[in-house]
N, C-alpha and C. Protein backbone atom coordinates (compact mmCIF):
# COMPACT_ATOMS: atom_id res chain seq x y z
N MET A 1 0.22 48.16 84.57
CA MET A 1 -0.14 46.90 84.46
C MET A 1 1.03 46.37 85.45
N ARG A 2 1.05 45.45 86.13
CA ARG A 2 1.92 44.69 86.82
C ARG A 2 2.45 43.46 86.08
N ALA A 3 3.52 43.01 86.39
CA ALA A 3 4.22 41.79 85.80
C ALA A 3 3.36 40.47 85.93
N ASP A 4 2.92 40.38 87.17
CA ASP A 4 1.94 39.36 87.38
C ASP A 4 0.57 39.40 86.67
N GLN A 5 0.17 40.30 86.06
CA GLN A 5 -0.85 40.44 85.23
C GLN A 5 -0.66 40.32 83.87
N VAL A 6 0.70 40.11 83.49
CA VAL A 6 0.94 39.81 82.11
C VAL A 6 1.23 38.18 82.34
N LEU A 7 1.87 37.67 83.31
CA LEU A 7 2.32 36.23 83.71
C LEU A 7 2.40 36.07 85.03
N PRO A 8 1.18 35.57 85.45
CA PRO A 8 0.88 35.29 86.67
C PRO A 8 1.97 34.13 87.19
N ASP A 9 2.07 34.14 88.60
CA ASP A 9 3.21 33.32 89.24
C ASP A 9 3.16 31.81 88.48
N ASP A 10 1.93 31.27 88.47
CA ASP A 10 1.76 29.93 87.91
C ASP A 10 2.09 29.79 86.51
N VAL A 11 2.29 30.69 85.51
CA VAL A 11 2.23 30.70 84.31
C VAL A 11 3.77 31.17 83.89
N ASN A 12 4.66 30.33 83.15
CA ASN A 12 5.86 30.42 82.69
C ASN A 12 6.11 31.00 81.12
N GLN A 13 5.08 30.91 80.47
CA GLN A 13 5.44 31.36 79.10
C GLN A 13 3.83 32.06 78.58
N LEU A 14 3.87 32.67 77.46
CA LEU A 14 2.64 32.97 76.79
C LEU A 14 2.97 33.04 75.47
N ASP A 15 1.82 32.99 74.46
CA ASP A 15 1.96 33.18 73.20
C ASP A 15 1.64 34.51 72.59
N VAL A 16 2.32 34.91 71.71
CA VAL A 16 2.04 36.53 71.15
C VAL A 16 2.02 36.29 69.60
N ARG A 17 1.14 36.25 68.94
CA ARG A 17 1.03 36.29 67.58
C ARG A 17 1.85 35.07 67.04
N GLY A 18 1.65 33.78 67.67
CA GLY A 18 2.42 32.74 67.03
C GLY A 18 3.71 32.35 67.79
N THR A 19 4.32 33.19 68.51
CA THR A 19 5.65 33.34 69.05
C THR A 19 5.57 33.05 70.69
N THR A 20 6.18 32.12 71.02
CA THR A 20 6.19 31.84 72.69
C THR A 20 7.18 32.46 73.20
N ILE A 21 6.57 33.33 74.17
CA ILE A 21 7.77 34.26 74.98
C ILE A 21 7.67 33.73 76.39
N ARG A 22 8.76 33.33 76.79
CA ARG A 22 9.00 32.41 78.12
C ARG A 22 9.38 33.43 79.10
N LYS A 23 9.08 33.45 80.45
CA LYS A 23 9.28 34.30 81.45
C LYS A 23 10.65 34.30 81.69
N GLY A 24 11.41 35.48 81.76
CA GLY A 24 12.70 35.80 81.82
C GLY A 24 13.64 36.02 80.37
N THR A 25 12.49 36.30 79.44
CA THR A 25 13.21 36.56 78.11
C THR A 25 13.93 37.91 78.15
N VAL A 26 13.36 39.01 78.69
CA VAL A 26 13.90 40.07 78.56
C VAL A 26 15.12 40.30 79.49
N ALA A 27 14.94 39.53 80.91
CA ALA A 27 16.17 39.62 81.59
C ALA A 27 17.53 38.66 81.10
N ALA A 28 17.01 37.65 80.24
CA ALA A 28 18.17 37.08 79.25
C ALA A 28 18.79 37.98 78.39
N PHE A 29 17.98 38.75 77.54
CA PHE A 29 18.63 39.61 76.77
C PHE A 29 19.41 40.53 77.31
N LEU A 30 19.03 41.17 78.35
CA LEU A 30 20.03 42.10 79.16
C LEU A 30 21.22 41.65 79.38
N SER A 31 21.35 40.34 79.99
CA SER A 31 22.58 39.83 80.45
C SER A 31 23.29 39.47 79.40
N ASN A 32 22.89 38.94 78.34
CA ASN A 32 23.68 38.86 77.01
C ASN A 32 23.95 39.83 76.41
N ALA A 33 23.31 40.98 76.34
CA ALA A 33 23.56 42.48 75.90
C ALA A 33 24.72 42.87 76.58
N ARG A 34 24.82 42.65 77.63
CA ARG A 34 26.03 43.29 78.50
C ARG A 34 27.37 42.45 78.18
N VAL A 35 27.02 41.12 78.07
CA VAL A 35 28.45 40.39 77.57
C VAL A 35 28.82 40.86 76.24
N TRP A 36 28.03 40.86 75.30
CA TRP A 36 28.24 41.22 73.94
C TRP A 36 28.94 42.28 73.82
N SER A 37 28.33 43.42 74.60
CA SER A 37 29.09 44.88 74.51
C SER A 37 30.29 44.96 75.30
N ASP A 38 30.70 43.77 75.97
CA ASP A 38 32.00 44.07 77.19
C ASP A 38 33.05 43.91 76.00
N ALA A 39 34.02 44.81 75.73
CA ALA A 39 35.19 44.87 75.12
C ALA A 39 36.13 43.87 75.74
N GLY A 40 35.78 43.53 77.12
CA GLY A 40 36.99 42.68 77.83
C GLY A 40 36.28 41.32 77.95
N ALA A 41 35.13 40.98 77.28
CA ALA A 41 34.57 39.61 77.30
C ALA A 41 35.59 38.86 76.29
N SER A 42 35.69 37.70 76.58
CA SER A 42 36.38 36.84 75.45
C SER A 42 35.60 36.61 74.24
N GLU A 43 36.18 36.54 73.29
CA GLU A 43 35.54 36.31 72.09
C GLU A 43 34.56 35.25 72.05
N SER A 44 34.52 33.93 72.63
CA SER A 44 33.82 32.91 72.55
C SER A 44 32.73 33.35 73.64
N ALA A 45 32.77 34.15 74.73
CA ALA A 45 31.64 34.73 75.40
C ALA A 45 30.68 35.24 74.66
N ARG A 46 31.40 36.37 73.71
CA ARG A 46 30.68 37.20 72.91
C ARG A 46 29.76 36.42 71.99
N ASN A 47 30.36 35.42 71.41
CA ASN A 47 29.80 34.78 70.42
C ASN A 47 28.38 34.12 70.92
N GLU A 48 28.81 33.48 72.17
CA GLU A 48 27.57 32.83 72.72
C GLU A 48 26.52 33.66 73.12
N ALA A 49 27.01 34.77 73.66
CA ALA A 49 25.85 35.77 73.98
C ALA A 49 25.04 36.34 72.50
N GLY A 50 25.82 36.36 71.71
CA GLY A 50 25.42 36.73 70.31
C GLY A 50 24.18 35.81 69.77
N ALA A 51 24.61 34.37 69.93
CA ALA A 51 23.68 33.32 69.52
C ALA A 51 22.69 33.24 70.23
N ASP A 52 22.69 33.52 71.98
CA ASP A 52 21.60 33.35 72.36
C ASP A 52 20.64 34.63 72.35
N ILE A 53 21.13 35.97 71.92
CA ILE A 53 20.51 37.09 71.67
C ILE A 53 19.65 36.58 70.36
N ALA A 54 20.24 36.32 69.32
CA ALA A 54 19.60 35.89 68.07
C ALA A 54 18.45 34.91 68.38
N GLU A 55 18.64 33.83 69.31
CA GLU A 55 17.54 32.84 69.65
C GLU A 55 16.37 33.71 70.48
N LEU A 56 16.50 34.97 71.24
CA LEU A 56 15.69 35.56 71.80
C LEU A 56 15.01 36.43 70.78
N LEU A 57 15.76 37.16 69.62
CA LEU A 57 14.94 38.04 68.99
C LEU A 57 13.66 38.11 68.49
N PRO A 58 12.82 36.60 67.95
CA PRO A 58 11.53 36.60 67.72
C PRO A 58 10.79 36.96 69.10
N ALA A 59 11.03 36.60 70.09
CA ALA A 59 10.16 36.80 71.25
C ALA A 59 10.18 38.19 71.50
N LEU A 60 11.42 38.75 71.65
CA LEU A 60 11.51 40.22 71.95
C LEU A 60 10.86 41.05 70.79
N ARG A 61 10.97 40.84 69.64
CA ARG A 61 10.15 41.63 68.71
C ARG A 61 8.58 41.38 68.70
N ALA A 62 8.34 40.25 69.03
CA ALA A 62 6.77 39.94 69.20
C ALA A 62 6.11 40.76 70.32
N ILE A 63 6.88 40.90 71.62
CA ILE A 63 6.37 41.98 72.52
C ILE A 63 6.64 43.23 72.35
N GLY A 64 7.18 43.61 71.12
CA GLY A 64 7.41 45.02 70.67
C GLY A 64 8.54 45.82 71.72
N LEU A 65 9.38 45.00 72.14
CA LEU A 65 10.59 45.48 73.03
C LEU A 65 11.06 46.69 72.29
N PHE A 66 11.93 46.29 70.94
CA PHE A 66 12.59 47.50 70.34
C PHE A 66 11.55 48.78 69.63
N ASP A 67 10.19 48.48 69.72
CA ASP A 67 9.32 49.48 69.38
C ASP A 67 9.38 50.45 70.50
N THR A 68 9.61 50.26 71.44
CA THR A 68 9.55 51.13 72.66
C THR A 68 10.86 51.61 73.21
N LEU A 69 11.82 50.79 73.43
CA LEU A 69 13.04 50.92 73.81
C LEU A 69 14.24 50.89 72.68
N GLN A 70 15.21 51.72 72.75
CA GLN A 70 16.20 51.65 71.82
C GLN A 70 17.59 51.22 72.65
N ILE A 71 18.22 50.28 71.90
CA ILE A 71 19.63 49.96 72.48
C ILE A 71 20.54 50.91 72.40
N ARG A 72 21.16 51.42 73.39
CA ARG A 72 22.16 52.58 73.49
C ARG A 72 23.75 51.94 72.76
N ASP A 73 23.94 50.81 73.08
CA ASP A 73 25.14 50.38 72.20
C ASP A 73 25.03 50.23 70.81
N THR A 74 25.47 51.22 70.32
CA THR A 74 25.32 51.59 68.53
C THR A 74 25.53 50.08 67.78
N ALA A 75 26.72 49.56 68.10
CA ALA A 75 27.24 48.40 67.36
C ALA A 75 26.05 47.12 67.69
N LEU A 76 25.75 47.11 68.93
CA LEU A 76 24.71 45.99 69.04
C LEU A 76 23.38 46.24 68.36
N ARG A 77 22.87 47.59 68.47
CA ARG A 77 21.76 47.86 67.78
C ARG A 77 21.76 47.77 66.48
N ALA A 78 23.00 48.24 65.78
CA ALA A 78 23.04 47.83 64.27
C ALA A 78 23.10 46.41 64.05
N TRP A 79 23.65 45.77 64.69
CA TRP A 79 23.88 44.20 64.53
C TRP A 79 22.38 43.52 64.53
N ILE A 80 21.62 43.97 65.67
CA ILE A 80 20.25 43.38 65.64
C ILE A 80 19.48 43.81 64.64
N GLU A 81 19.29 45.04 64.25
CA GLU A 81 18.60 45.69 63.24
C GLU A 81 18.75 44.99 62.00
N SER A 82 20.03 44.36 61.56
CA SER A 82 20.67 43.93 60.39
C SER A 82 20.02 42.30 60.40
N LEU A 83 19.63 41.88 61.26
CA LEU A 83 19.35 40.48 61.36
C LEU A 83 17.68 40.42 60.97
N PRO A 84 17.20 39.30 60.13
CA PRO A 84 16.22 39.20 59.71
C PRO A 84 15.04 38.83 60.78
N ALA A 85 13.97 39.22 60.64
CA ALA A 85 13.05 39.11 61.67
C ALA A 85 12.80 37.50 61.96
N ASP A 86 13.17 36.73 61.24
CA ASP A 86 12.95 35.12 61.61
C ASP A 86 14.42 34.38 61.72
N THR A 87 15.33 35.36 62.36
CA THR A 87 16.77 34.87 62.55
C THR A 87 16.66 33.57 63.34
N ALA A 88 17.57 32.63 63.00
CA ALA A 88 17.89 31.24 63.59
C ALA A 88 19.26 31.32 64.11
N ALA A 89 19.38 31.09 65.39
CA ALA A 89 20.40 31.39 66.13
C ALA A 89 21.80 30.66 65.40
N ASP A 90 21.45 29.41 64.75
CA ASP A 90 22.57 28.77 64.50
C ASP A 90 23.03 29.34 62.90
N SER A 91 22.48 30.55 62.49
CA SER A 91 22.77 30.80 61.27
C SER A 91 23.41 32.48 61.27
N VAL A 92 23.78 32.64 62.49
CA VAL A 92 24.23 33.97 62.60
C VAL A 92 25.69 34.10 62.84
N LEU A 93 26.27 35.14 62.45
CA LEU A 93 27.68 35.35 62.85
C LEU A 93 27.59 36.63 63.87
N THR A 94 28.12 36.55 64.92
CA THR A 94 27.86 37.49 66.09
C THR A 94 28.61 38.82 65.73
N ARG A 95 29.89 38.55 65.34
CA ARG A 95 30.57 40.14 65.26
C ARG A 95 31.25 40.03 63.75
């Protein structure tokens, strides 16, 4: 399957089991995961990345990302696995 078969160029989001997944969700997660895992990143940058990750989790879980791929950073993986499936970004401590 090609990317354009999942989301054609003229479509920016799709609904999976009641969860809206926007184009760019996985790329945004990867970018935020890099910041969250970067020991040299400021605490505020890591906190912002964590909040953004938490906001993305329902969509990432809906598409089954973590059923197929495992996060290498053990601290990030453990933190994500500890969050409830319906995590709200404003209720999460990032570290």
